[in-house]
Amino acid sequence: MPDDKEGRAQYLKKFRKEIKRNAAIKTCRERVEELCDRFPLYPELRV
């Protein structure tokens, strides 16, 4: 990660843009959501 403020801002902007398109992360998120639905830690707090 860059040391300067502007460099960090650009780095994080690029990271946020790329992470939205990452198929592996999307798949992982979907699996986690499915597991949370199947095995809720606090069933009384379901949304």
PDB file of N, CA and C in Angstrom:
ATOM      1  N   MET A   1       0.851  -1.164   0.000  1.00  0.00           N
ATOM      2  CA  MET A   1       0.000   0.000   0.000  1.00  0.00           C
ATOM      3  C   MET A   1       0.903   1.234   0.000  1.00  0.00           C
ATOM      4  N   PRO A   2       0.561   2.215  -0.797  1.00  0.00           N
ATOM      5  CA  PRO A   2       1.377   3.431  -0.885  1.00  0.00           C
ATOM      6  C   PRO A   2       1.445   4.181   0.449  1.00  0.00           C
ATOM      7  N   ASP A   3       2.538   4.913   0.630  1.00  0.00           N
ATOM      8  CA  ASP A   3       2.738   5.678   1.859  1.00  0.00           C
ATOM      9  C   ASP A   3       2.005   7.010   1.859  1.00  0.00           C
ATOM     10  N   ASP A   4       1.869   7.622   0.694  1.00  0.00           N
ATOM     11  CA  ASP A   4       1.257   8.950   0.643  1.00  0.00           C
ATOM     12  C   ASP A   4      -0.269   8.862   0.590  1.00  0.00           C
ATOM     13  N   LYS A   5      -0.912   9.904   1.064  1.00  0.00           N
ATOM     14  CA  LYS A   5      -2.374   9.936   1.165  1.00  0.00           C
ATOM     15  C   LYS A   5      -3.054   9.772  -0.192  1.00  0.00           C
ATOM     16  N   GLU A   6      -2.589  10.490  -1.188  1.00  0.00           N
ATOM     17  CA  GLU A   6      -3.189  10.415  -2.527  1.00  0.00           C
ATOM     18  C   GLU A   6      -2.999   9.022  -3.133  1.00  0.00           C
ATOM     19  N   GLY A   7      -1.823   8.457  -2.939  1.00  0.00           N
ATOM     20  CA  GLY A   7      -1.551   7.116  -3.451  1.00  0.00           C
ATOM     21  C   GLY A   7      -2.458   6.078  -2.818  1.00  0.00           C
ATOM     22  N   ARG A   8      -2.672   6.194  -1.503  1.00  0.00           N
ATOM     23  CA  ARG A   8      -3.573   5.263  -0.811  1.00  0.00           C
ATOM     24  C   ARG A   8      -4.999   5.406  -1.319  1.00  0.00           C
ATOM     25  N   ALA A   9      -5.430   6.644  -1.536  1.00  0.00           N
ATOM     26  CA  ALA A   9      -6.790   6.878  -2.023  1.00  0.00           C
ATOM     27  C   ALA A   9      -6.993   6.218  -3.383  1.00  0.00           C
ATOM     28  N   GLN A  10      -6.038   6.383  -4.275  1.00  0.00           N
ATOM     29  CA  GLN A  10      -6.126   5.770  -5.604  1.00  0.00           C
ATOM     30  C   GLN A  10      -6.085   4.246  -5.508  1.00  0.00           C
ATOM     31  N   TYR A  11      -5.208   3.736  -4.643  1.00  0.00           N
ATOM     32  CA  TYR A  11      -5.078   2.293  -4.447  1.00  0.00           C
ATOM     33  C   TYR A  11      -6.406   1.700  -3.963  1.00  0.00           C
ATOM     34  N   LEU A  12      -7.009   2.325  -2.958  1.00  0.00           N
ATOM     35  CA  LEU A  12      -8.264   1.819  -2.414  1.00  0.00           C
ATOM     36  C   LEU A  12      -9.408   1.941  -3.414  1.00  0.00           C
ATOM     37  N   LYS A  13      -9.418   3.001  -4.191  1.00  0.00           N
ATOM     38  CA  LYS A  13     -10.442   3.171  -5.224  1.00  0.00           C
ATOM     39  C   LYS A  13     -10.359   2.033  -6.242  1.00  0.00           C
ATOM     40  N   LYS A  14      -9.144   1.721  -6.677  1.00  0.00           N
ATOM     41  CA  LYS A  14      -8.934   0.637  -7.632  1.00  0.00           C
ATOM     42  C   LYS A  14      -9.325  -0.706  -7.010  1.00  0.00           C
ATOM     43  N   PHE A  15      -8.941  -0.917  -5.749  1.00  0.00           N
ATOM     44  CA  PHE A  15      -9.259  -2.157  -5.049  1.00  0.00           C
ATOM     45  C   PHE A  15     -10.769  -2.362  -4.965  1.00  0.00           C
ATOM     46  N   ARG A  16     -11.496  -1.323  -4.565  1.00  0.00           N
ATOM     47  CA  ARG A  16     -12.953  -1.435  -4.442  1.00  0.00           C
ATOM     48  C   ARG A  16     -13.609  -1.751  -5.781  1.00  0.00           C
ATOM     49  N   LYS A  17     -13.087  -1.170  -6.837  1.00  0.00           N
ATOM     50  CA  LYS A  17     -13.631  -1.407  -8.177  1.00  0.00           C
ATOM     51  C   LYS A  17     -13.380  -2.855  -8.610  1.00  0.00           C
ATOM     52  N   GLU A  18     -12.168  -3.339  -8.374  1.00  0.00           N
ATOM     53  CA  GLU A  18     -11.809  -4.691  -8.802  1.00  0.00           C
ATOM     54  C   GLU A  18     -12.476  -5.770  -7.961  1.00  0.00           C
ATOM     55  N   ILE A  19     -12.654  -5.521  -6.683  1.00  0.00           N
ATOM     56  CA  ILE A  19     -13.224  -6.551  -5.811  1.00  0.00           C
ATOM     57  C   ILE A  19     -14.680  -6.839  -6.170  1.00  0.00           C
ATOM     58  N   LYS A  20     -15.382  -5.849  -6.690  1.00  0.00           N
ATOM     59  CA  LYS A  20     -16.779  -6.051  -7.092  1.00  0.00           C
ATOM     60  C   LYS A  20     -16.900  -7.004  -8.268  1.00  0.00           C
ATOM     61  N   ARG A  21     -15.849  -7.099  -9.075  1.00  0.00           N
ATOM     62  CA  ARG A  21     -15.879  -7.954 -10.269  1.00  0.00           C
ATOM     63  C   ARG A  21     -15.240  -9.316 -10.039  1.00  0.00           C
ATOM     64  N   ASN A  22     -14.698  -9.563  -8.866  1.00  0.00           N
ATOM     65  CA  ASN A  22     -13.968 -10.791  -8.590  1.00  0.00           C
ATOM     66  C   ASN A  22     -14.948 -11.951  -8.394  1.00  0.00           C
ATOM     67  N   ALA A  23     -14.931 -12.903  -9.305  1.00  0.00           N
ATOM     68  CA  ALA A  23     -15.873 -14.027  -9.281  1.00  0.00           C
ATOM     69  C   ALA A  23     -15.672 -14.916  -8.059  1.00  0.00           C
ATOM     70  N   ALA A  24     -14.434 -15.133  -7.642  1.00  0.00           N
ATOM     71  CA  ALA A  24     -14.163 -15.990  -6.488  1.00  0.00           C
ATOM     72  C   ALA A  24     -14.755 -15.384  -5.218  1.00  0.00           C
ATOM     73  N   ILE A  25     -14.646 -14.080  -5.080  1.00  0.00           N
ATOM     74  CA  ILE A  25     -15.196 -13.418  -3.901  1.00  0.00           C
ATOM     75  C   ILE A  25     -16.716 -13.459  -3.931  1.00  0.00           C
ATOM     76  N   LYS A  26     -17.303 -13.282  -5.099  1.00  0.00           N
ATOM     77  CA  LYS A  26     -18.761 -13.364  -5.219  1.00  0.00           C
ATOM     78  C   LYS A  26     -19.254 -14.756  -4.832  1.00  0.00           C
ATOM     79  N   THR A  27     -18.568 -15.781  -5.306  1.00  0.00           N
ATOM     80  CA  THR A  27     -18.948 -17.155  -4.991  1.00  0.00           C
ATOM     81  C   THR A  27     -18.824 -17.416  -3.497  1.00  0.00           C
ATOM     82  N   CYS A  28     -17.742 -16.957  -2.912  1.00  0.00           N
ATOM     83  CA  CYS A  28     -17.527 -17.133  -1.479  1.00  0.00           C
ATOM     84  C   CYS A  28     -18.628 -16.439  -0.687  1.00  0.00           C
ATOM     85  N   ARG A  29     -18.958 -15.235  -1.075  1.00  0.00           N
ATOM     86  CA  ARG A  29     -20.014 -14.483  -0.385  1.00  0.00           C
ATOM     87  C   ARG A  29     -21.340 -15.230  -0.451  1.00  0.00           C
ATOM     88  N   GLU A  30     -21.681 -15.751  -1.615  1.00  0.00           N
ATOM     89  CA  GLU A  30     -22.930 -16.488  -1.774  1.00  0.00           C
ATOM     90  C   GLU A  30     -22.953 -17.722  -0.886  1.00  0.00           C
ATOM     91  N   ARG A  31     -21.835 -18.421  -0.803  1.00  0.00           N
ATOM     92  CA  ARG A  31     -21.759 -19.618   0.043  1.00  0.00           C
ATOM     93  C   ARG A  31     -21.897 -19.262   1.520  1.00  0.00           C
ATOM     94  N   VAL A  32     -21.259 -18.199   1.929  1.00  0.00           N
ATOM     95  CA  VAL A  32     -21.355 -17.765   3.326  1.00  0.00           C
ATOM     96  C   VAL A  32     -22.791 -17.377   3.658  1.00  0.00           C
ATOM     97  N   GLU A  33     -23.441 -16.641   2.761  1.00  0.00           N
ATOM     98  CA  GLU A  33     -24.831 -16.253   2.995  1.00  0.00           C
ATOM     99  C   GLU A  33     -25.734 -17.479   3.087  1.00  0.00           C
ATOM    100  N   GLU A  34     -25.486 -18.464   2.239  1.00  0.00           N
ATOM    101  CA  GLU A  34     -26.272 -19.698   2.271  1.00  0.00           C
ATOM    102  C   GLU A  34     -26.079 -20.429   3.599  1.00  0.00           C
ATOM    103  N   LEU A  35     -24.840 -20.538   4.045  1.00  0.00           N
ATOM    104  CA  LEU A  35     -24.564 -21.193   5.325  1.00  0.00           C
ATOM    105  C   LEU A  35     -25.203 -20.440   6.487  1.00  0.00           C
ATOM    106  N   CYS A  36     -25.148 -19.129   6.439  1.00  0.00           N
ATOM    107  CA  CYS A  36     -25.761 -18.325   7.499  1.00  0.00           C
ATOM    108  C   CYS A  36     -27.273 -18.514   7.526  1.00  0.00           C
ATOM    109  N   ASP A  37     -27.875 -18.669   6.369  1.00  0.00           N
ATOM    110  CA  ASP A  37     -29.315 -18.926   6.304  1.00  0.00           C
ATOM    111  C   ASP A  37     -29.649 -20.304   6.872  1.00  0.00           C
ATOM    112  N   ARG A  38     -28.810 -21.279   6.568  1.00  0.00           N
ATOM    113  CA  ARG A  38     -29.062 -22.648   7.024  1.00  0.00           C
ATOM    114  C   ARG A  38     -28.749 -22.844   8.499  1.00  0.00           C
ATOM    115  N   PHE A  39     -27.723 -22.159   8.995  1.00  0.00           N
ATOM    116  CA  PHE A  39     -27.268 -22.340  10.370  1.00  0.00           C
ATOM    117  C   PHE A  39     -27.084 -20.983  11.067  1.00  0.00           C
ATOM    118  N   PRO A  40     -28.170 -20.290  11.344  1.00  0.00           N
ATOM    119  CA  PRO A  40     -28.049 -18.968  11.957  1.00  0.00           C
ATOM    120  C   PRO A  40     -27.525 -19.060  13.391  1.00  0.00           C
ATOM    121  N   LEU A  41     -26.663 -18.131  13.757  1.00  0.00           N
ATOM    122  CA  LEU A  41     -26.149 -18.082  15.123  1.00  0.00           C
ATOM    123  C   LEU A  41     -27.227 -17.600  16.087  1.00  0.00           C
ATOM    124  N   TYR A  42     -28.035 -16.668  15.632  1.00  0.00           N
ATOM    125  CA  TYR A  42     -29.098 -16.094  16.449  1.00  0.00           C
ATOM    126  C   TYR A  42     -30.399 -16.134  15.652  1.00  0.00           C
ATOM    127  N   PRO A  43     -31.099 -17.270  15.673  1.00  0.00           N
ATOM    128  CA  PRO A  43     -32.315 -17.421  14.861  1.00  0.00           C
ATOM    129  C   PRO A  43     -33.362 -16.341  15.122  1.00  0.00           C
ATOM    130  N   GLU A  44     -33.419 -15.841  16.343  1.00  0.00           N
ATOM    131  CA  GLU A  44     -34.417 -14.823  16.674  1.00  0.00           C
ATOM    132  C   GLU A  44     -34.127 -13.473  16.013  1.00  0.00           C
ATOM    133  N   LEU A  45     -32.940 -13.305  15.451  1.00  0.00           N
ATOM    134  CA  LEU A  45     -32.566 -12.053  14.802  1.00  0.00           C
ATOM    135  C   LEU A  45     -32.604 -12.138  13.284  1.00  0.00           C
ATOM    136  N   ARG A  46     -33.275 -13.123  12.749  1.00  0.00           N
ATOM    137  CA  ARG A  46     -33.337 -13.279  11.288  1.00  0.00           C
ATOM    138  C   ARG A  46     -33.986 -12.072  10.647  1.00  0.00           C
ATOM    139  N   VAL A  47     -33.453 -11.714   9.494  1.00  0.00           N
ATOM    140  CA  VAL A  47     -33.976 -10.561   8.757  1.00  0.00           C
ATOM    141  C   VAL A  47     -34.851 -11.031   7.624  1.00  0.00           C
TER     142      VAL A  47
END
